[in-house]
Amino acid sequence: MQRPNAAQLTYGSATVVLATVALLLLSGTTTPPGIAAVCAAGLLLGVLVAVTMPGRAGPVKTSAPVRSAGEAAGTSGNEEIRVPAARVGGSAGTRIRS
């Protein structure tokens, strides 16, 4: 199963909130079990809306760089990053103070 996209999350959340408020106002229930049942119905309706909404049409675009034919064969030479070593003067390591 694919991860839900932003539109599915938005429509599902909005459906949960609006359906729950509408059902609470229309039913007029004040008992805790009635309120719990209305909240569960709103949650199920929101999940149903989010799941039945169409998802992505194609593959997700990534920001991976496109390689040319020479790079695909491994001839680019950029696979390894070289870091130069720190240069130290010739006599810096041999000085001894007495």
PDB file of N, CA and C in Angstrom:
ATOM      1  N   MET A   1       0.844  -1.176   0.000  1.00  0.00           N
ATOM      2  CA  MET A   1       0.000   0.000   0.000  1.00  0.00           C
ATOM      3  C   MET A   1       0.889   1.239   0.000  1.00  0.00           C
ATOM      4  N   GLN A   2       0.543   2.194  -0.847  1.00  0.00           N
ATOM      5  CA  GLN A   2       1.301   3.422  -0.935  1.00  0.00           C
ATOM      6  C   GLN A   2       1.008   4.324   0.253  1.00  0.00           C
ATOM      7  N   ARG A   3       1.967   5.186   0.533  1.00  0.00           N
ATOM      8  CA  ARG A   3       1.740   6.184   1.575  1.00  0.00           C
ATOM      9  C   ARG A   3       0.736   7.201   1.059  1.00  0.00           C
ATOM     10  N   PRO A   4      -0.149   7.690   1.937  1.00  0.00           N
ATOM     11  CA  PRO A   4      -1.135   8.678   1.477  1.00  0.00           C
ATOM     12  C   PRO A   4      -0.455  10.009   1.138  1.00  0.00           C
ATOM     13  N   ASN A   5      -0.963  10.659   0.104  1.00  0.00           N
ATOM     14  CA  ASN A   5      -0.401  11.959  -0.251  1.00  0.00           C
ATOM     15  C   ASN A   5      -1.092  13.059   0.556  1.00  0.00           C
ATOM     16  N   ALA A   6      -0.675  14.280   0.340  1.00  0.00           N
ATOM     17  CA  ALA A   6      -1.177  15.403   1.136  1.00  0.00           C
ATOM     18  C   ALA A   6      -2.673  15.634   0.935  1.00  0.00           C
ATOM     19  N   ALA A   7      -3.160  15.444  -0.278  1.00  0.00           N
ATOM     20  CA  ALA A   7      -4.588  15.658  -0.539  1.00  0.00           C
ATOM     21  C   ALA A   7      -5.435  14.623   0.196  1.00  0.00           C
ATOM     22  N   GLN A   8      -4.990  13.378   0.214  1.00  0.00           N
ATOM     23  CA  GLN A   8      -5.734  12.339   0.917  1.00  0.00           C
ATOM     24  C   GLN A   8      -5.791  12.627   2.414  1.00  0.00           C
ATOM     25  N   LEU A   9      -4.669  13.041   2.984  1.00  0.00           N
ATOM     26  CA  LEU A   9      -4.651  13.371   4.412  1.00  0.00           C
ATOM     27  C   LEU A   9      -5.541  14.563   4.723  1.00  0.00           C
ATOM     28  N   THR A  10      -5.503  15.560   3.858  1.00  0.00           N
ATOM     29  CA  THR A  10      -6.303  16.764   4.087  1.00  0.00           C
ATOM     30  C   THR A  10      -7.802  16.469   3.998  1.00  0.00           C
ATOM     31  N   TYR A  11      -8.206  15.787   2.930  1.00  0.00           N
ATOM     32  CA  TYR A  11      -9.633  15.484   2.765  1.00  0.00           C
ATOM     33  C   TYR A  11     -10.126  14.532   3.847  1.00  0.00           C
ATOM     34  N   GLY A  12      -9.318  13.563   4.224  1.00  0.00           N
ATOM     35  CA  GLY A  12      -9.725  12.642   5.278  1.00  0.00           C
ATOM     36  C   GLY A  12      -9.888  13.341   6.615  1.00  0.00           C
ATOM     37  N   SER A  13      -8.927  14.211   6.962  1.00  0.00           N
ATOM     38  CA  SER A  13      -9.012  14.944   8.226  1.00  0.00           C
ATOM     39  C   SER A  13     -10.198  15.895   8.249  1.00  0.00           C
ATOM     40  N   ALA A  14     -10.403  16.594   7.147  1.00  0.00           N
ATOM     41  CA  ALA A  14     -11.542  17.515   7.079  1.00  0.00           C
ATOM     42  C   ALA A  14     -12.865  16.761   7.181  1.00  0.00           C
ATOM     43  N   THR A  15     -12.923  15.588   6.583  1.00  0.00           N
ATOM     44  CA  THR A  15     -14.144  14.784   6.661  1.00  0.00           C
ATOM     45  C   THR A  15     -14.407  14.334   8.091  1.00  0.00           C
ATOM     46  N   VAL A  16     -13.363  13.932   8.796  1.00  0.00           N
ATOM     47  CA  VAL A  16     -13.533  13.498  10.193  1.00  0.00           C
ATOM     48  C   VAL A  16     -14.109  14.635  11.026  1.00  0.00           C
ATOM     49  N   VAL A  17     -13.517  15.806  10.913  1.00  0.00           N
ATOM     50  CA  VAL A  17     -13.951  16.936  11.737  1.00  0.00           C
ATOM     51  C   VAL A  17     -15.372  17.371  11.376  1.00  0.00           C
ATOM     52  N   LEU A  18     -15.611  17.593  10.103  1.00  0.00           N
ATOM     53  CA  LEU A  18     -16.920  18.090   9.694  1.00  0.00           C
ATOM     54  C   LEU A  18     -18.038  17.066   9.922  1.00  0.00           C
ATOM     55  N   ALA A  19     -17.768  15.797   9.635  1.00  0.00           N
ATOM     56  CA  ALA A  19     -18.790  14.768   9.840  1.00  0.00           C
ATOM     57  C   ALA A  19     -19.102  14.597  11.322  1.00  0.00           C
ATOM     58  N   THR A  20     -18.077  14.649  12.171  1.00  0.00           N
ATOM     59  CA  THR A  20     -18.309  14.492  13.606  1.00  0.00           C
ATOM     60  C   THR A  20     -19.128  15.659  14.157  1.00  0.00           C
ATOM     61  N   VAL A  21     -18.770  16.862  13.780  1.00  0.00           N
ATOM     62  CA  VAL A  21     -19.528  18.032  14.255  1.00  0.00           C
ATOM     63  C   VAL A  21     -20.965  17.979  13.745  1.00  0.00           C
ATOM     64  N   ALA A  22     -21.145  17.648  12.472  1.00  0.00           N
ATOM     65  CA  ALA A  22     -22.505  17.587  11.911  1.00  0.00           C
ATOM     66  C   ALA A  22     -23.337  16.503  12.585  1.00  0.00           C
ATOM     67  N   LEU A  23     -22.731  15.326  12.812  1.00  0.00           N
ATOM     68  CA  LEU A  23     -23.482  14.249  13.459  1.00  0.00           C
ATOM     69  C   LEU A  23     -23.819  14.589  14.907  1.00  0.00           C
ATOM     70  N   LEU A  24     -22.906  15.252  15.600  1.00  0.00           N
ATOM     71  CA  LEU A  24     -23.197  15.653  16.982  1.00  0.00           C
ATOM     72  C   LEU A  24     -24.329  16.672  17.038  1.00  0.00           C
ATOM     73  N   LEU A  25     -24.329  17.621  16.112  1.00  0.00           N
ATOM     74  CA  LEU A  25     -25.402  18.630  16.099  1.00  0.00           C
ATOM     75  C   LEU A  25     -26.740  18.036  15.681  1.00  0.00           C
ATOM     76  N   LEU A  26     -26.716  17.133  14.702  1.00  0.00           N
ATOM     77  CA  LEU A  26     -27.970  16.562  14.219  1.00  0.00           C
ATOM     78  C   LEU A  26     -28.560  15.539  15.180  1.00  0.00           C
ATOM     79  N   SER A  27     -27.697  14.779  15.849  1.00  0.00           N
ATOM     80  CA  SER A  27     -28.223  13.737  16.733  1.00  0.00           C
ATOM     81  C   SER A  27     -28.664  14.299  18.079  1.00  0.00           C
ATOM     82  N   GLY A  28     -27.999  15.324  18.548  1.00  0.00           N
ATOM     83  CA  GLY A  28     -28.357  15.924  19.824  1.00  0.00           C
ATOM     84  C   GLY A  28     -28.023  15.052  21.020  1.00  0.00           C
ATOM     85  N   THR A  29     -27.135  14.112  20.855  1.00  0.00           N
ATOM     86  CA  THR A  29     -26.784  13.212  21.950  1.00  0.00           C
ATOM     87  C   THR A  29     -25.894  13.920  22.967  1.00  0.00           C
ATOM     88  N   THR A  30     -26.085  13.567  24.241  1.00  0.00           N
ATOM     89  CA  THR A  30     -25.266  14.151  25.304  1.00  0.00           C
ATOM     90  C   THR A  30     -24.640  13.079  26.190  1.00  0.00           C
ATOM     91  N   THR A  31     -24.943  11.826  25.927  1.00  0.00           N
ATOM     92  CA  THR A  31     -24.386  10.757  26.752  1.00  0.00           C
ATOM     93  C   THR A  31     -23.014  10.361  26.219  1.00  0.00           C
ATOM     94  N   PRO A  32     -22.108   9.954  27.091  1.00  0.00           N
ATOM     95  CA  PRO A  32     -20.768   9.545  26.635  1.00  0.00           C
ATOM     96  C   PRO A  32     -20.774   8.408  25.612  1.00  0.00           C
ATOM     97  N   PRO A  33     -21.586   7.366  25.775  1.00  0.00           N
ATOM     98  CA  PRO A  33     -21.580   6.334  24.724  1.00  0.00           C
ATOM     99  C   PRO A  33     -22.083   6.853  23.372  1.00  0.00           C
ATOM    100  N   GLY A  34     -23.044   7.751  23.382  1.00  0.00           N
ATOM    101  CA  GLY A  34     -23.543   8.330  22.134  1.00  0.00           C
ATOM    102  C   GLY A  34     -22.497   9.188  21.454  1.00  0.00           C
ATOM    103  N   ILE A  35     -21.780   9.983  22.254  1.00  0.00           N
ATOM    104  CA  ILE A  35     -20.718  10.827  21.694  1.00  0.00           C
ATOM    105  C   ILE A  35     -19.593   9.959  21.139  1.00  0.00           C
ATOM    106  N   ALA A  36     -19.255   8.876  21.831  1.00  0.00           N
ATOM    107  CA  ALA A  36     -18.210   7.961  21.354  1.00  0.00           C
ATOM    108  C   ALA A  36     -18.629   7.305  20.040  1.00  0.00           C
ATOM    109  N   ALA A  37     -19.889   6.937  19.923  1.00  0.00           N
ATOM    110  CA  ALA A  37     -20.379   6.310  18.693  1.00  0.00           C
ATOM    111  C   ALA A  37     -20.332   7.296  17.530  1.00  0.00           C
ATOM    112  N   VAL A  38     -20.694   8.546  17.780  1.00  0.00           N
ATOM    113  CA  VAL A  38     -20.656   9.563  16.732  1.00  0.00           C
ATOM    114  C   VAL A  38     -19.212   9.840  16.304  1.00  0.00           C
ATOM    115  N   CYS A  39     -18.302   9.897  17.265  1.00  0.00           N
ATOM    116  CA  CYS A  39     -16.886  10.112  16.945  1.00  0.00           C
ATOM    117  C   CYS A  39     -16.321   8.944  16.137  1.00  0.00           C
ATOM    118  N   ALA A  40     -16.692   7.728  16.494  1.00  0.00           N
ATOM    119  CA  ALA A  40     -16.234   6.558  15.742  1.00  0.00           C
ATOM    120  C   ALA A  40     -16.787   6.569  14.322  1.00  0.00           C
ATOM    121  N   ALA A  41     -18.042   6.970  14.171  1.00  0.00           N
ATOM    122  CA  ALA A  41     -18.638   7.053  12.833  1.00  0.00           C
ATOM    123  C   ALA A  41     -17.935   8.109  11.982  1.00  0.00           C
ATOM    124  N   GLY A  42     -17.612   9.253  12.571  1.00  0.00           N
ATOM    125  CA  GLY A  42     -16.886  10.290  11.837  1.00  0.00           C
ATOM    126  C   GLY A  42     -15.495   9.838  11.438  1.00  0.00           C
ATOM    127  N   LEU A  43     -14.825   9.108  12.334  1.00  0.00           N
ATOM    128  CA  LEU A  43     -13.491   8.600  12.026  1.00  0.00           C
ATOM    129  C   LEU A  43     -13.540   7.572  10.894  1.00  0.00           C
ATOM    130  N   LEU A  44     -14.500   6.665  10.951  1.00  0.00           N
ATOM    131  CA  LEU A  44     -14.634   5.677   9.881  1.00  0.00           C
ATOM    132  C   LEU A  44     -14.962   6.334   8.547  1.00  0.00           C
ATOM    133  N   LEU A  45     -15.794   7.353   8.579  1.00  0.00           N
ATOM    134  CA  LEU A  45     -16.130   8.061   7.342  1.00  0.00           C
ATOM    135  C   LEU A  45     -14.899   8.779   6.773  1.00  0.00           C
ATOM    136  N   GLY A  46     -14.094   9.379   7.626  1.00  0.00           N
ATOM    137  CA  GLY A  46     -12.886  10.051   7.166  1.00  0.00           C
ATOM    138  C   GLY A  46     -11.868   9.085   6.582  1.00  0.00           C
ATOM    139  N   VAL A  47     -11.708   7.931   7.203  1.00  0.00           N
ATOM    140  CA  VAL A  47     -10.795   6.912   6.664  1.00  0.00           C
ATOM    141  C   VAL A  47     -11.303   6.414   5.319  1.00  0.00           C
ATOM    142  N   LEU A  48     -12.608   6.221   5.207  1.00  0.00           N
ATOM    143  CA  LEU A  48     -13.197   5.778   3.946  1.00  0.00           C
ATOM    144  C   LEU A  48     -12.953   6.787   2.832  1.00  0.00           C
ATOM    145  N   VAL A  49     -13.098   8.062   3.129  1.00  0.00           N
ATOM    146  CA  VAL A  49     -12.851   9.108   2.126  1.00  0.00           C
ATOM    147  C   VAL A  49     -11.387   9.124   1.722  1.00  0.00           C
ATOM    148  N   ALA A  50     -10.480   9.017   2.677  1.00  0.00           N
ATOM    149  CA  ALA A  50      -9.048   9.075   2.366  1.00  0.00           C
ATOM    150  C   ALA A  50      -8.600   7.862   1.564  1.00  0.00           C
ATOM    151  N   VAL A  51      -9.147   6.698   1.862  1.00  0.00           N
ATOM    152  CA  VAL A  51      -8.710   5.480   1.173  1.00  0.00           C
ATOM    153  C   VAL A  51      -9.276   5.394  -0.232  1.00  0.00           C
ATOM    154  N   THR A  52     -10.516   5.823  -0.436  1.00  0.00           N
ATOM    155  CA  THR A  52     -11.134   5.718  -1.757  1.00  0.00           C
ATOM    156  C   THR A  52     -10.718   6.830  -2.702  1.00  0.00           C
ATOM    157  N   MET A  53     -10.056   7.852  -2.202  1.00  0.00           N
ATOM    158  CA  MET A  53      -9.592   8.937  -3.065  1.00  0.00           C
ATOM    159  C   MET A  53      -8.441   8.430  -3.928  1.00  0.00           C
ATOM    160  N   PRO A  54      -8.414   8.797  -5.223  1.00  0.00           N
ATOM    161  CA  PRO A  54      -7.332   8.299  -6.085  1.00  0.00           C
ATOM    162  C   PRO A  54      -5.972   8.818  -5.618  1.00  0.00           C
ATOM    163  N   GLY A  55      -4.993   7.951  -5.725  1.00  0.00           N
ATOM    164  CA  GLY A  55      -3.641   8.303  -5.293  1.00  0.00           C
ATOM    165  C   GLY A  55      -2.823   8.867  -6.428  1.00  0.00           C
ATOM    166  N   ARG A  56      -1.535   8.622  -6.374  1.00  0.00           N
ATOM    167  CA  ARG A  56      -0.625   9.122  -7.399  1.00  0.00           C
ATOM    168  C   ARG A  56      -0.818   8.355  -8.694  1.00  0.00           C
ATOM    169  N   ALA A  57      -0.698   9.070  -9.810  1.00  0.00           N
ATOM    170  CA  ALA A  57      -0.883   8.445 -11.114  1.00  0.00           C
ATOM    171  C   ALA A  57       0.380   7.732 -11.577  1.00  0.00           C
ATOM    172  N   GLY A  58       1.528   8.262 -11.266  1.00  0.00           N
ATOM    173  CA  GLY A  58       2.776   7.679 -11.742  1.00  0.00           C
ATOM    174  C   GLY A  58       3.797   7.594 -10.637  1.00  0.00           C
ATOM    175  N   PRO A  59       5.014   7.240 -11.011  1.00  0.00           N
ATOM    176  CA  PRO A  59       6.061   7.142 -10.001  1.00  0.00           C
ATOM    177  C   PRO A  59       6.437   8.513  -9.447  1.00  0.00           C
ATOM    178  N   VAL A  60       6.944   8.522  -8.244  1.00  0.00           N
ATOM    179  CA  VAL A  60       7.330   9.759  -7.586  1.00  0.00           C
ATOM    180  C   VAL A  60       8.643  10.241  -8.171  1.00  0.00           C
ATOM    181  N   LYS A  61       8.724  11.517  -8.494  1.00  0.00           N
ATOM    182  CA  LYS A  61       9.962  12.086  -9.025  1.00  0.00           C
ATOM    183  C   LYS A  61      10.952  12.286  -7.896  1.00  0.00           C
ATOM    184  N   THR A  62      12.186  11.917  -8.142  1.00  0.00           N
ATOM    185  CA  THR A  62      13.234  12.098  -7.155  1.00  0.00           C
ATOM    186  C   THR A  62      14.207  13.150  -7.637  1.00  0.00           C
ATOM    187  N   SER A  63      15.049  13.602  -6.757  1.00  0.00           N
ATOM    188  CA  SER A  63      16.023  14.623  -7.121  1.00  0.00           C
ATOM    189  C   SER A  63      17.379  14.002  -7.444  1.00  0.00           C
ATOM    190  N   ALA A  64      17.408  12.737  -7.821  1.00  0.00           N
ATOM    191  CA  ALA A  64      18.661  12.079  -8.168  1.00  0.00           C
ATOM    192  C   ALA A  64      19.172  12.648  -9.484  1.00  0.00           C
ATOM    193  N   PRO A  65      20.485  12.890  -9.579  1.00  0.00           N
ATOM    194  CA  PRO A  65      21.026  13.453 -10.819  1.00  0.00           C
ATOM    195  C   PRO A  65      20.955  12.431 -11.958  1.00  0.00           C
ATOM    196  N   VAL A  66      20.765  12.953 -13.167  1.00  0.00           N
ATOM    197  CA  VAL A  66      20.713  12.102 -14.346  1.00  0.00           C
ATOM    198  C   VAL A  66      22.134  11.883 -14.820  1.00  0.00           C
ATOM    199  N   ARG A  67      22.501  10.623 -15.036  1.00  0.00           N
ATOM    200  CA  ARG A  67      23.865  10.297 -15.473  1.00  0.00           C
ATOM    201  C   ARG A  67      23.911  10.168 -16.983  1.00  0.00           C
ATOM    202  N   SER A  68      25.060  10.547 -17.549  1.00  0.00           N
ATOM    203  CA  SER A  68      25.252  10.374 -18.977  1.00  0.00           C
ATOM    204  C   SER A  68      25.775   8.968 -19.245  1.00  0.00           C
ATOM    205  N   ALA A  69      25.974   8.638 -20.517  1.00  0.00           N
ATOM    206  CA  ALA A  69      26.417   7.289 -20.881  1.00  0.00           C
ATOM    207  C   ALA A  69      27.824   7.010 -20.344  1.00  0.00           C
ATOM    208  N   GLY A  70      28.702   8.003 -20.347  1.00  0.00           N
ATOM    209  CA  GLY A  70      30.061   7.806 -19.832  1.00  0.00           C
ATOM    210  C   GLY A  70      30.088   7.617 -18.330  1.00  0.00           C
ATOM    211  N   GLU A  71      29.210   8.316 -17.632  1.00  0.00           N
ATOM    212  CA  GLU A  71      29.151   8.186 -16.180  1.00  0.00           C
ATOM    213  C   GLU A  71      28.521   6.868 -15.769  1.00  0.00           C
ATOM    214  N   ALA A  72      27.588   6.381 -16.559  1.00  0.00           N
ATOM    215  CA  ALA A  72      26.926   5.124 -16.224  1.00  0.00           C
ATOM    216  C   ALA A  72      27.894   3.957 -16.319  1.00  0.00           C
ATOM    217  N   ALA A  73      28.903   4.070 -17.184  1.00  0.00           N
ATOM    218  CA  ALA A  73      29.884   3.000 -17.339  1.00  0.00           C
ATOM    219  C   ALA A  73      30.924   3.024 -16.230  1.00  0.00           C
ATOM    220  N   GLY A  74      30.931   4.039 -15.390  1.00  0.00           N
ATOM    221  CA  GLY A  74      31.878   4.102 -14.283  1.00  0.00           C
ATOM    222  C   GLY A  74      33.171   4.805 -14.626  1.00  0.00           C
ATOM    223  N   THR A  75      33.175   5.634 -15.668  1.00  0.00           N
ATOM    224  CA  THR A  75      34.396   6.299 -16.090  1.00  0.00           C
ATOM    225  C   THR A  75      34.470   7.743 -15.626  1.00  0.00           C
ATOM    226  N   SER A  76      33.549   8.170 -14.774  1.00  0.00           N
ATOM    227  CA  SER A  76      33.519   9.580 -14.397  1.00  0.00           C
ATOM    228  C   SER A  76      34.638   9.918 -13.422  1.00  0.00           C
ATOM    229  N   GLY A  77      34.988   9.020 -12.502  1.00  0.00           N
ATOM    230  CA  GLY A  77      36.041   9.281 -11.535  1.00  0.00           C
ATOM    231  C   GLY A  77      35.580  10.121 -10.363  1.00  0.00           C
ATOM    232  N   ASN A  78      34.298  10.434 -10.252  1.00  0.00           N
ATOM    233  CA  ASN A  78      33.790  11.262  -9.168  1.00  0.00           C
ATOM    234  C   ASN A  78      33.212  10.446  -8.025  1.00  0.00           C
ATOM    235  N   GLU A  79      33.385   9.141  -8.044  1.00  0.00           N
ATOM    236  CA  GLU A  79      32.788   8.304  -7.015  1.00  0.00           C
ATOM    237  C   GLU A  79      33.472   8.488  -5.661  1.00  0.00           C
ATOM    238  N   GLU A  80      34.748   8.854  -5.679  1.00  0.00           N
ATOM    239  CA  GLU A  80      35.506   8.979  -4.437  1.00  0.00           C
ATOM    240  C   GLU A  80      35.852  10.441  -4.198  1.00  0.00           C
ATOM    241  N   ILE A  81      35.610  10.903  -2.994  1.00  0.00           N
ATOM    242  CA  ILE A  81      35.940  12.277  -2.647  1.00  0.00           C
ATOM    243  C   ILE A  81      37.294  12.273  -1.964  1.00  0.00           C
ATOM    244  N   ARG A  82      38.205  13.078  -2.486  1.00  0.00           N
ATOM    245  CA  ARG A  82      39.544  13.148  -1.907  1.00  0.00           C
ATOM    246  C   ARG A  82      39.673  14.409  -1.071  1.00  0.00           C
ATOM    247  N   VAL A  83      40.192  14.243   0.118  1.00  0.00           N
ATOM    248  CA  VAL A  83      40.416  15.369   1.014  1.00  0.00           C
ATOM    249  C   VAL A  83      41.921  15.498   1.197  1.00  0.00           C
ATOM    250  N   PRO A  84      42.494  16.651   0.875  1.00  0.00           N
ATOM    251  CA  PRO A  84      43.951  16.786   1.018  1.00  0.00           C
ATOM    252  C   PRO A  84      44.353  16.781   2.492  1.00  0.00           C
ATOM    253  N   ALA A  85      45.512  16.192   2.747  1.00  0.00           N
ATOM    254  CA  ALA A  85      46.038  16.146   4.104  1.00  0.00           C
ATOM    255  C   ALA A  85      46.622  17.507   4.467  1.00  0.00           C
ATOM    256  N   ALA A  86      46.657  17.793   5.753  1.00  0.00           N
ATOM    257  CA  ALA A  86      47.226  19.059   6.210  1.00  0.00           C
ATOM    258  C   ALA A  86      48.731  19.040   5.980  1.00  0.00           C
ATOM    259  N   ARG A  87      49.241  20.143   5.468  1.00  0.00           N
ATOM    260  CA  ARG A  87      50.684  20.228   5.213  1.00  0.00           C
ATOM    261  C   ARG A  87      51.381  20.769   6.455  1.00  0.00           C
ATOM    262  N   VAL A  88      52.432  20.100   6.801  1.00  0.00           N
ATOM    263  CA  VAL A  88      53.207  20.485   7.970  1.00  0.00           C
ATOM    264  C   VAL A  88      54.612  20.826   7.493  1.00  0.00           C
ATOM    265  N   GLY A  89      55.191  21.882   8.079  1.00  0.00           N
ATOM    266  CA  GLY A  89      56.549  22.283   7.715  1.00  0.00           C
ATOM    267  C   GLY A  89      57.568  21.176   7.993  1.00  0.00           C
ATOM    268  N   GLY A  90      58.691  21.239   7.323  1.00  0.00           N
ATOM    269  CA  GLY A  90      59.687  20.175   7.429  1.00  0.00           C
ATOM    270  C   GLY A  90      60.260  19.986   8.818  1.00  0.00           C
ATOM    271  N   SER A  91      60.508  21.058   9.551  1.00  0.00           N
ATOM    272  CA  SER A  91      61.133  20.903  10.858  1.00  0.00           C
ATOM    273  C   SER A  91      60.145  21.019  12.024  1.00  0.00           C
ATOM    274  N   ALA A  92      58.858  21.122  11.737  1.00  0.00           N
ATOM    275  CA  ALA A  92      57.884  21.323  12.804  1.00  0.00           C
ATOM    276  C   ALA A  92      57.770  20.110  13.702  1.00  0.00           C
ATOM    277  N   GLY A  93      57.957  18.906  13.170  1.00  0.00           N
ATOM    278  CA  GLY A  93      57.810  17.698  13.975  1.00  0.00           C
ATOM    279  C   GLY A  93      59.102  17.294  14.655  1.00  0.00           C
ATOM    280  N   THR A  94      60.226  17.934  14.313  1.00  0.00           N
ATOM    281  CA  THR A  94      61.508  17.469  14.861  1.00  0.00           C
ATOM    282  C   THR A  94      62.083  18.422  15.887  1.00  0.00           C
ATOM    283  N   ARG A  95      61.431  19.528  16.162  1.00  0.00           N
ATOM    284  CA  ARG A  95      61.984  20.473  17.143  1.00  0.00           C
ATOM    285  C   ARG A  95      61.824  19.922  18.561  1.00  0.00           C
ATOM    286  N   ILE A  96      62.905  19.986  19.277  1.00  0.00           N
ATOM    287  CA  ILE A  96      62.883  19.578  20.670  1.00  0.00           C
ATOM    288  C   ILE A  96      63.493  20.691  21.493  1.00  0.00           C
ATOM    289  N   ARG A  97      62.757  21.115  22.468  1.00  0.00           N
ATOM    290  CA  ARG A  97      63.276  22.191  23.311  1.00  0.00           C
ATOM    291  C   ARG A  97      63.928  21.591  24.525  1.00  0.00           C
ATOM    292  N   SER A  98      65.093  22.075  24.841  1.00  0.00           N
ATOM    293  CA  SER A  98      65.770  21.563  26.019  1.00  0.00           C
ATOM    294  C   SER A  98      65.975  22.638  27.050  1.00  0.00           C
TER     295      SER A  98
END
